[in-house]
Amino acid sequence: MLNEILSNIVLRGREFLYLSRSDLERLNVSFDDVINWVESVLKIKDECVLPSKVGVYTRPKSFLHAMPAWVPPMNAVGVKIISGYAWNKQKYGLPYIMGLMILNDEDSGAPYAVMDCSWPTEMRTAAVSAVSAKYLAREDSEVLGVIGLGTQAKRHVQALARVLPIKEVKGYDISENAAKAFKSWVEGNVGVKVEIVSHSKNAVIGCDVVVSAIPISDKPTHIVKPEWISKGMTLIPIDFDASMDGKVASKADKFYTDDLKQYAYYWSDETPFFKGYPSPNEVFGEVAEVVRGEKSGRETAEEIIMVNNLGIAIVDVAVAINLFYRAIERGIGEKISL
């Protein structure tokens, strides 16, 4: 299929298809689509080539990452260039997350698609958490706590509600405006009741699943305290260790991640992250191993489980090539000469 497209529609080595955020939103992709794409690529993770992401940090509370990957069973290879700068909205009127996703022909190396990566990243990050929760959270999880009420918080409620019977959300943010916007969006788009709480503690205590989504920082605030964690909880920090420190992680009966090699790097002395967290040898397993049935997931209702997914590029590549095919099918996007 791809070879036919590169021979007849987007000519290999001569042009590429550009897809803006608005183009991607016009594809009418559902969260069920993205969750299925994510789960499918996790099942074949051991057949993929996945280097660790490379990053530079030009300002506090910022990152610029390059994330290459090759997914041979899908004939898909590419790289995501993504940045996150915490003050973008206040200083420049720009989103926190920006970047591009590039897909390359695995036979010639020629780029054939360039697309906005902010929308796919929103969707795939929440979808990875949803797949994780499908296997690791209690099936009767109804109360979701969310700390940091930006875009990822909204997407996580949307995605988790596809795999769990979420009936109530407790949300906390230092920004009253962000909290109001979150409540309005979730109740309007997901149809789940939202309670905005005045302290992060109240977005943890009494919750079945807790997602933390504040900006990643090399000087984390660790606003979640270990004494708030109780039996049966599933903890899903998507902000590295910004919200939850090693004492919180040590409360977990099982600790999972999306890629052990990448976690080992960030856990090491080469980076400022994950001090006091379980060592790589203490990680119970990768989410992909659970999806494939090679490692057990949740085994009892009392287990405390923490899953810290750092973001892996095979997911980006898998989502991107499916978006590309959808765009070709619907005639969306702009062809640009190389």
Protein backbone atom coordinates (compact mmCIF):
# COMPACT_ATOMS: atom_id res chain seq x y z
CA MET A 1 0.00 0.00 0.00
CA LEU A 2 2.71 2.49 0.96
CA ASN A 3 4.84 1.70 -2.08
CA GLU A 4 1.84 2.28 -4.35
CA ILE A 5 1.19 5.66 -2.70
CA LEU A 6 4.85 6.70 -3.06
CA SER A 7 4.88 5.63 -6.70
CA ASN A 8 1.63 7.26 -7.77
CA ILE A 9 0.27 9.82 -5.29
CA VAL A 10 3.03 11.36 -3.16
CA LEU A 11 6.05 10.80 -5.38
CA ARG A 12 9.01 9.25 -3.57
CA GLY A 13 11.91 11.65 -3.13
CA ARG A 14 10.16 14.44 -5.05
CA GLU A 15 7.41 15.62 -2.73
CA PHE A 16 5.88 15.13 0.69
CA LEU A 17 2.43 15.51 2.18
CA TYR A 18 2.08 18.27 4.77
CA LEU A 19 -0.66 17.88 7.36
CA SER A 20 -1.39 20.79 9.68
CA ARG A 21 -3.18 20.42 12.99
CA SER A 22 -6.43 21.51 11.37
CA ASP A 23 -5.90 18.88 8.64
CA LEU A 24 -5.45 16.18 11.26
CA GLU A 25 -8.54 17.26 13.17
CA ARG A 26 -10.56 17.03 9.93
CA LEU A 27 -9.72 13.32 9.63
CA ASN A 28 -12.40 12.49 12.22
CA VAL A 29 -10.14 10.09 14.08
CA SER A 30 -11.72 8.78 17.29
CA PHE A 31 -10.03 7.92 20.55
CA ASP A 32 -11.03 4.31 19.98
CA ASP A 33 -9.01 4.44 16.74
CA VAL A 34 -5.92 5.80 18.50
CA ILE A 35 -6.22 3.42 21.45
CA ASN A 36 -6.41 0.49 19.01
CA TRP A 37 -3.37 1.76 17.06
CA VAL A 38 -1.39 2.13 20.29
CA GLU A 39 -2.32 -1.29 21.63
CA SER A 40 -1.49 -2.90 18.28
CA VAL A 41 2.01 -1.41 18.11
CA LEU A 42 2.73 -2.31 21.74
CA LYS A 43 2.02 -5.93 20.86
CA ILE A 44 4.88 -5.83 18.33
CA LYS A 45 7.25 -3.62 20.33
CA ASP A 46 9.89 -6.37 20.44
CA GLU A 47 10.01 -6.33 16.61
CA CYS A 48 10.73 -2.59 16.47
CA VAL A 49 13.86 -0.45 16.56
CA LEU A 50 13.53 2.10 19.34
CA PRO A 51 16.52 4.28 20.27
CA SER A 52 16.20 6.33 23.43
CA LYS A 53 14.98 9.87 22.87
CA VAL A 54 17.65 12.58 22.70
CA GLY A 55 17.01 15.84 24.52
CA VAL A 56 18.36 19.28 25.29
CA TYR A 57 16.96 21.61 27.94
CA THR A 58 17.55 25.24 27.02
CA ARG A 59 15.46 26.74 29.83
CA PRO A 60 14.06 25.59 33.18
CA LYS A 61 10.80 23.66 32.77
CA SER A 62 11.54 23.06 29.10
CA PHE A 63 12.61 20.27 26.78
CA LEU A 64 13.43 19.67 23.13
CA HIS A 65 13.39 15.98 22.20
CA ALA A 66 14.20 14.03 19.04
CA MET A 67 12.41 10.68 18.94
CA PRO A 68 13.23 8.30 16.05
CA ALA A 69 11.77 4.82 15.57
CA TRP A 70 11.29 2.06 13.02
CA VAL A 71 8.28 -0.26 13.02
CA PRO A 72 9.14 -2.91 10.38
CA PRO A 73 5.82 -4.82 10.49
CA MET A 74 4.10 -1.56 9.46
CA ASN A 75 6.85 -0.49 7.01
CA ALA A 76 6.96 2.70 9.05
CA VAL A 77 9.97 4.76 10.08
CA GLY A 78 10.24 8.35 11.19
CA VAL A 79 11.20 10.87 13.81
CA LYS A 80 9.29 13.25 16.04
CA ILE A 81 10.82 16.59 16.99
CA ILE A 82 8.90 17.92 19.97
CA SER A 83 9.34 20.73 22.46
CA GLY A 84 7.62 21.72 25.67
CA TYR A 85 8.11 25.19 27.16
CA ALA A 86 6.02 25.92 30.25
CA TRP A 87 5.68 29.69 29.79
CA ASN A 88 4.81 29.70 26.09
CA LYS A 89 1.17 30.64 26.59
CA GLN A 90 1.88 33.48 29.00
CA LYS A 91 4.92 34.85 27.17
CA TYR A 92 4.12 34.25 23.50
CA GLY A 93 0.51 33.10 23.29
CA LEU A 94 1.76 29.72 22.08
CA PRO A 95 0.92 26.19 23.26
CA TYR A 96 3.14 24.35 25.74
CA ILE A 97 3.79 21.52 23.27
CA MET A 98 4.87 22.13 19.65
CA GLY A 99 6.73 20.15 17.03
CA LEU A 100 6.72 18.12 13.85
CA MET A 101 6.45 14.45 12.93
CA ILE A 102 8.35 13.25 9.86
CA LEU A 103 7.73 9.92 8.12
CA ASN A 104 10.44 8.49 5.85
CA ASP A 105 10.43 5.80 3.20
CA GLU A 106 12.27 2.84 4.73
CA ASP A 107 13.71 1.87 1.32
CA SER A 108 15.10 5.25 0.17
CA GLY A 109 15.04 7.37 3.31
CA ALA A 110 13.05 10.04 1.48
CA PRO A 111 10.59 11.97 3.65
CA TYR A 112 7.03 11.56 2.42
CA ALA A 113 4.98 13.12 5.22
CA VAL A 114 5.48 16.04 7.58
CA MET A 115 2.76 16.76 10.08
CA ASP A 116 1.99 18.75 13.18
CA CYS A 117 2.83 16.60 16.18
CA SER A 118 0.93 18.46 18.90
CA TRP A 119 -2.46 16.88 18.14
CA PRO A 120 -1.11 13.33 17.64
CA THR A 121 0.94 13.68 20.85
CA GLU A 122 -2.14 14.76 22.79
CA MET A 123 -4.02 11.75 21.53
CA ARG A 124 -1.33 9.09 21.71
CA THR A 125 -0.11 10.07 25.20
CA ALA A 126 -3.61 9.70 26.60
CA ALA A 127 -4.14 6.53 24.56
CA VAL A 128 -1.00 4.92 26.04
CA SER A 129 -2.33 5.74 29.51
CA ALA A 130 -5.70 4.26 28.53
CA VAL A 131 -4.07 1.01 27.36
CA SER A 132 -2.05 0.95 30.58
CA ALA A 133 -5.19 1.45 32.66
CA LYS A 134 -7.03 -1.23 30.72
CA TYR A 135 -4.53 -3.81 31.99
CA LEU A 136 -3.40 -2.29 35.29
CA ALA A 137 -6.29 -0.37 36.87
CA ARG A 138 -9.15 -1.95 38.78
CA GLU A 139 -12.02 -2.69 36.43
CA ASP A 140 -14.41 -0.88 38.79
CA SER A 141 -12.38 2.36 38.85
CA GLU A 142 -14.96 5.17 38.89
CA VAL A 143 -13.19 8.17 40.46
CA LEU A 144 -10.35 9.81 38.55
CA GLY A 145 -8.03 12.37 40.12
CA VAL A 146 -6.17 14.74 37.83
CA ILE A 147 -3.42 17.18 38.81
CA GLY A 148 -2.47 19.82 36.25
CA LEU A 149 -5.54 20.69 34.20
CA GLY A 150 -4.17 21.51 30.77
CA THR A 151 -4.63 19.81 27.42
CA GLN A 152 -3.29 16.43 28.53
CA ALA A 153 -5.66 16.40 31.49
CA LYS A 154 -8.64 16.85 29.18
CA ARG A 155 -7.42 14.19 26.79
CA HIS A 156 -6.76 11.75 29.63
CA VAL A 157 -10.30 12.01 30.93
CA GLN A 158 -11.54 11.48 27.40
CA ALA A 159 -9.32 8.42 26.83
CA LEU A 160 -9.65 6.80 30.25
CA ALA A 161 -13.43 7.05 30.04
CA ARG A 162 -13.21 4.75 26.99
CA VAL A 163 -11.67 1.90 29.03
CA LEU A 164 -12.91 2.49 32.60
CA PRO A 165 -16.36 3.29 34.06
CA ILE A 166 -15.32 6.80 35.13
CA LYS A 167 -18.21 8.61 36.82
CA GLU A 168 -16.45 11.43 38.65
CA VAL A 169 -13.31 13.52 38.17
CA LYS A 170 -11.54 15.48 40.88
CA GLY A 171 -9.27 18.09 39.35
CA TYR A 172 -6.62 20.39 40.80
CA ASP A 173 -4.62 23.21 39.22
CA ILE A 174 -2.91 26.30 40.58
CA SER A 175 -4.67 28.32 37.85
CA GLU A 176 -8.33 29.07 38.48
CA ASN A 177 -8.84 29.80 34.78
CA ALA A 178 -7.33 26.47 33.76
CA ALA A 179 -9.54 24.68 36.27
CA LYS A 180 -12.70 26.39 35.00
CA ALA A 181 -11.80 25.62 31.39
CA PHE A 182 -11.10 21.98 32.26
CA LYS A 183 -14.41 21.54 34.06
CA SER A 184 -16.39 23.11 31.24
CA TRP A 185 -14.61 21.10 28.53
CA VAL A 186 -14.82 17.71 30.27
CA GLU A 187 -18.44 18.04 31.30
CA GLY A 188 -19.36 19.27 27.84
CA ASN A 189 -17.32 16.80 25.78
CA VAL A 190 -17.07 13.69 27.95
CA GLY A 191 -20.21 14.01 30.02
CA VAL A 192 -18.51 13.22 33.33
CA LYS A 193 -19.06 15.23 36.52
CA VAL A 194 -16.02 17.32 37.53
CA GLU A 195 -15.25 18.64 40.99
CA ILE A 196 -12.52 21.28 41.16
CA VAL A 197 -10.66 20.90 44.44
CA SER A 198 -8.60 23.48 46.30
CA HIS A 199 -5.64 21.27 47.21
CA SER A 200 -3.75 18.56 45.35
CA LYS A 201 -4.43 16.21 48.26
CA ASN A 202 -8.12 16.17 47.36
CA ALA A 203 -7.32 15.05 43.81
CA VAL A 204 -5.59 11.97 45.24
CA ILE A 205 -7.37 10.82 48.39
CA GLY A 206 -10.46 8.79 47.57
CA CYS A 207 -9.54 8.37 43.89
CA ASP A 208 -9.18 5.06 42.09
CA VAL A 209 -6.85 6.38 39.39
CA VAL A 210 -4.60 9.44 39.67
CA VAL A 211 -3.05 11.19 36.67
CA SER A 212 -0.48 13.95 37.18
CA ALA A 213 0.19 16.23 34.22
CA ILE A 214 2.17 19.28 35.30
CA PRO A 215 5.17 20.57 33.30
CA ILE A 216 8.26 18.34 33.38
CA SER A 217 11.06 20.00 35.34
CA ASP A 218 14.59 19.22 36.45
CA LYS A 219 13.59 20.85 39.74
CA PRO A 220 10.36 18.99 40.51
CA THR A 221 7.85 20.20 43.08
CA HIS A 222 6.62 16.74 44.17
CA ILE A 223 3.16 17.95 45.17
CA VAL A 224 1.78 14.42 45.72
CA LYS A 225 2.58 13.01 49.17
CA PRO A 226 3.03 9.31 49.96
CA GLU A 227 0.60 9.36 52.88
CA TRP A 228 -2.23 10.15 50.45
CA ILE A 229 -1.77 6.87 48.56
CA SER A 230 -4.09 4.01 49.51
CA LYS A 231 -4.68 0.39 48.54
CA GLY A 232 -6.07 -0.30 45.11
CA MET A 233 -4.91 2.95 43.52
CA THR A 234 -3.44 3.18 40.05
CA LEU A 235 -0.96 6.04 39.65
CA ILE A 236 -0.25 7.37 36.16
CA PRO A 237 2.21 10.27 36.22
CA ILE A 238 2.80 11.56 32.69
CA ASP A 239 5.12 14.32 33.94
CA PHE A 240 8.19 12.16 34.69
CA ASP A 241 8.74 12.74 38.44
CA ALA A 242 7.49 16.33 38.58
CA SER A 243 4.51 15.52 40.83
CA MET A 244 5.39 12.20 42.45
CA ASP A 245 8.72 11.56 44.18
CA GLY A 246 10.52 8.35 45.06
CA LYS A 247 8.59 8.01 48.32
CA VAL A 248 5.36 7.90 46.37
CA ALA A 249 6.84 5.42 43.91
CA SER A 250 7.97 3.21 46.78
CA LYS A 251 4.32 2.81 47.83
CA ALA A 252 3.64 0.87 44.65
CA ASP A 253 3.45 -2.91 44.83
CA LYS A 254 4.24 -3.00 41.12
CA PHE A 255 6.01 -0.36 39.02
CA TYR A 256 5.77 -0.39 35.22
CA THR A 257 7.12 1.76 32.40
CA ASP A 258 6.79 1.87 28.62
CA ASP A 259 10.46 1.19 27.86
CA LEU A 260 12.96 -0.19 30.37
CA LYS A 261 16.05 0.97 28.46
CA GLN A 262 14.80 4.54 28.34
CA TYR A 263 13.75 4.47 31.98
CA ALA A 264 17.21 3.17 32.94
CA TYR A 265 18.79 6.15 31.21
CA TYR A 266 16.59 8.74 32.88
CA TRP A 267 16.95 6.96 36.24
CA SER A 268 20.75 7.07 35.98
CA ASP A 269 23.05 9.78 37.27
CA GLU A 270 23.24 11.21 33.75
CA THR A 271 19.91 13.01 34.29
CA PRO A 272 18.28 14.81 37.23
CA PHE A 273 15.14 12.67 37.12
CA PHE A 274 13.73 9.79 39.17
CA LYS A 275 15.90 10.08 42.26
CA GLY A 276 14.70 7.54 44.81
CA TYR A 277 12.57 5.71 42.25
CA PRO A 278 12.76 1.92 41.75
CA SER A 279 15.95 0.87 39.99
CA PRO A 280 15.63 -0.65 36.52
CA ASN A 281 16.06 -4.07 38.12
CA GLU A 282 13.06 -3.38 40.34
CA VAL A 283 10.71 -2.47 37.49
CA PHE A 284 8.05 -5.18 37.33
CA GLY A 285 7.68 -4.94 33.58
CA GLU A 286 6.94 -2.92 30.49
CA VAL A 287 3.37 -2.15 29.52
CA ALA A 288 4.01 -3.90 26.20
CA GLU A 289 4.94 -7.09 28.05
CA VAL A 290 1.63 -6.95 29.90
CA VAL A 291 -0.29 -6.35 26.67
CA ARG A 292 1.44 -9.38 25.11
CA GLY A 293 0.68 -11.53 28.19
CA GLU A 294 4.36 -12.00 29.06
CA LYS A 295 4.09 -10.20 32.41
CA SER A 296 1.14 -10.05 34.77
CA GLY A 297 -0.82 -6.88 35.26
CA ARG A 298 -3.10 -6.18 38.19
CA GLU A 299 -3.71 -9.37 40.14
CA THR A 300 -5.64 -8.11 43.18
CA ALA A 301 -7.96 -5.21 43.97
CA GLU A 302 -5.65 -4.13 46.82
CA GLU A 303 -2.47 -3.70 44.78
CA ILE A 304 -1.06 -0.21 44.41
CA ILE A 305 0.23 0.10 40.87
CA MET A 306 2.31 2.88 39.34
CA VAL A 307 2.96 3.17 35.62
CA ASN A 308 5.38 5.84 34.45
CA ASN A 309 5.29 6.05 30.67
CA LEU A 310 8.03 8.33 29.38
CA GLY A 311 6.91 8.35 25.77
CA ILE A 312 8.17 6.02 23.05
CA ALA A 313 8.52 6.88 19.40
CA ILE A 314 7.13 3.61 18.00
CA VAL A 315 3.75 4.86 19.17
CA ASP A 316 4.24 8.18 17.37
CA VAL A 317 5.29 6.43 14.17
CA ALA A 318 2.36 3.99 14.32
CA VAL A 319 -0.17 6.75 14.90
CA ALA A 320 1.43 8.96 12.24
CA ILE A 321 1.35 6.37 9.45
CA ASN A 322 -2.29 5.60 10.21
CA LEU A 323 -3.06 9.32 10.03
CA PHE A 324 -1.16 9.50 6.73
CA TYR A 325 -3.22 6.66 5.25
CA ARG A 326 -6.43 8.30 6.45
CA ALA A 327 -5.36 11.60 4.88
CA ILE A 328 -4.56 9.94 1.53
CA GLU A 329 -7.91 8.16 1.58
CA ARG A 330 -9.78 11.43 2.20
CA GLY A 331 -7.64 13.70 0.04
CA ILE A 332 -6.60 15.92 2.93
CA GLY A 333 -3.25 17.72 3.15
CA GLU A 334 -0.95 19.68 0.86
CA LYS A 335 1.68 18.12 -1.37
CA ILE A 336 4.94 20.10 -1.31
CA SER A 337 7.96 19.62 -3.57
CA LEU A 338 11.24 18.64 -1.97
